[in-house]
């Protein structure tokens, strides 16, 4: 329960941090990531991201929150994404709240404007 409360607080913080991004045609995405490092070595994560730009063919900054399936922990992250028509690929640096360790992710998913 404590982990859920921390994750909810971080999600609210990421939303507040994304407010400046909201002034620059932002986009939101949902996808899957493979996470390297941390205490578990490797893990698959499902997550949501907010992107700084919604222009296909461009790079964008991303803020996200992932749920790591194997370790059952949340992972707030920041990264860079390549935006294409309806999909993205990204590289991210995150913090595993369960393990208390920094990790890296490689992900892909779909996105849309909001």
Protein backbone atom coordinates (compact mmCIF):
# COMPACT_ATOMS: atom_id res chain seq x y z
CA UNK A 1 0.00 0.00 0.00
CA UNK A 2 2.88 2.35 0.81
CA UNK A 3 4.35 1.72 -2.66
CA UNK A 4 1.01 2.59 -4.28
CA UNK A 5 0.82 5.86 -2.31
CA UNK A 6 4.35 6.79 -3.39
CA UNK A 7 3.55 5.95 -7.01
CA UNK A 8 0.37 8.04 -6.90
CA UNK A 9 2.34 10.97 -5.47
CA UNK A 10 4.96 10.64 -8.19
CA UNK A 11 2.28 10.44 -10.89
CA UNK A 12 0.82 13.68 -9.57
CA UNK A 13 4.29 15.22 -9.58
CA UNK A 14 4.94 14.07 -13.14
CA UNK A 15 1.62 15.60 -14.17
CA UNK A 16 2.60 18.91 -12.58
CA UNK A 17 6.04 18.73 -14.20
CA UNK A 18 4.38 18.12 -17.55
CA UNK A 19 2.41 21.38 -17.32
CA UNK A 20 5.09 23.38 -19.19
CA UNK A 21 5.13 20.63 -21.83
CA UNK A 22 1.38 21.10 -22.25
CA UNK A 23 2.05 24.49 -23.84
CA UNK A 24 3.93 22.88 -26.76
CA UNK A 25 1.50 20.51 -28.51
CA UNK A 26 1.96 17.55 -26.15
CA UNK A 27 1.00 13.95 -26.75
CA UNK A 28 0.30 10.96 -24.52
CA UNK A 29 1.30 7.36 -25.13
CA UNK A 30 0.94 3.87 -23.73
CA UNK A 31 3.47 1.14 -24.30
CA UNK A 32 5.81 -1.57 -23.15
CA UNK A 33 9.47 -1.27 -22.12
CA UNK A 34 12.31 -3.64 -21.42
CA UNK A 35 14.14 -2.36 -18.36
CA UNK A 36 17.87 -3.03 -17.89
CA UNK A 37 19.74 -2.81 -14.61
CA UNK A 38 18.47 -2.28 -11.11
CA UNK A 39 18.37 -5.17 -8.66
CA UNK A 40 16.40 -7.57 -10.86
CA UNK A 41 18.72 -7.42 -13.89
CA UNK A 42 15.98 -7.14 -16.51
CA UNK A 43 12.22 -6.72 -16.44
CA UNK A 44 9.27 -5.93 -18.71
CA UNK A 45 7.19 -2.86 -17.84
CA UNK A 46 3.86 -1.41 -18.97
CA UNK A 47 3.43 2.33 -18.76
CA UNK A 48 2.10 5.69 -19.76
CA UNK A 49 4.09 8.65 -21.04
CA UNK A 50 3.61 12.33 -21.82
CA UNK A 51 5.65 13.66 -24.75
CA UNK A 52 6.81 17.23 -25.31
CA UNK A 53 5.88 17.26 -29.00
CA UNK A 54 3.33 15.61 -31.27
CA UNK A 55 5.08 16.02 -34.63
CA UNK A 56 5.70 12.74 -36.49
CA UNK A 57 9.32 12.32 -37.52
CA UNK A 58 10.65 14.38 -34.60
CA UNK A 59 12.30 13.60 -31.29
CA UNK A 60 10.54 14.51 -28.04
CA UNK A 61 11.24 14.50 -24.32
CA UNK A 62 9.11 12.02 -22.38
CA UNK A 63 7.95 11.79 -18.76
CA UNK A 64 6.49 8.47 -17.75
CA UNK A 65 5.36 6.05 -15.11
CA UNK A 66 5.86 2.32 -15.69
CA UNK A 67 4.78 -0.75 -13.75
CA UNK A 68 7.46 -3.45 -13.78
CA UNK A 69 5.75 -6.84 -14.08
CA UNK A 70 8.38 -9.17 -12.58
CA UNK A 71 9.39 -7.03 -9.62
CA UNK A 72 5.87 -5.61 -9.18
CA UNK A 73 7.12 -2.09 -8.64
CA UNK A 74 6.55 1.34 -10.12
CA UNK A 75 9.19 3.18 -12.14
CA UNK A 76 8.93 6.94 -12.79
CA UNK A 77 11.16 7.86 -15.72
CA UNK A 78 12.37 10.54 -18.10
CA UNK A 79 13.67 9.97 -21.57
CA UNK A 80 13.86 10.81 -25.23
CA UNK A 81 11.45 9.41 -27.80
CA UNK A 82 11.22 9.25 -31.56
CA UNK A 83 7.67 10.00 -32.67
CA UNK A 84 6.25 8.45 -35.84
CA UNK A 85 2.64 8.57 -37.11
CA UNK A 86 0.91 6.41 -34.49
CA UNK A 87 3.83 4.85 -32.62
CA UNK A 88 6.91 5.85 -30.66
CA UNK A 89 10.18 4.31 -29.54
CA UNK A 90 12.06 5.63 -26.54
CA UNK A 91 15.10 5.40 -24.30
CA UNK A 92 14.52 6.24 -20.65
CA UNK A 93 16.23 6.52 -17.29
CA UNK A 94 14.05 5.57 -14.34
CA UNK A 95 14.01 4.89 -10.64
CA UNK A 96 12.64 1.54 -9.41
CA UNK A 97 10.66 2.44 -6.29
CA UNK A 98 10.64 -1.15 -5.03
CA UNK A 99 14.38 -1.75 -5.33
CA UNK A 100 15.46 1.84 -4.79
CA UNK A 101 17.73 1.70 -7.83
CA UNK A 102 18.28 3.59 -11.07
CA UNK A 103 17.64 1.64 -14.28
CA UNK A 104 17.43 2.15 -18.04
CA UNK A 105 14.64 1.23 -20.43
CA UNK A 106 14.04 0.71 -24.11
CA UNK A 107 10.39 0.93 -25.12
CA UNK A 108 7.78 1.28 -27.83
CA UNK A 109 4.07 1.96 -27.99
CA UNK A 110 1.25 3.97 -29.45
CA UNK A 111 0.51 7.65 -28.93
CA UNK A 112 -2.08 10.27 -29.64
CA UNK A 113 -2.83 13.96 -29.16
CA UNK A 114 -4.89 15.22 -26.25
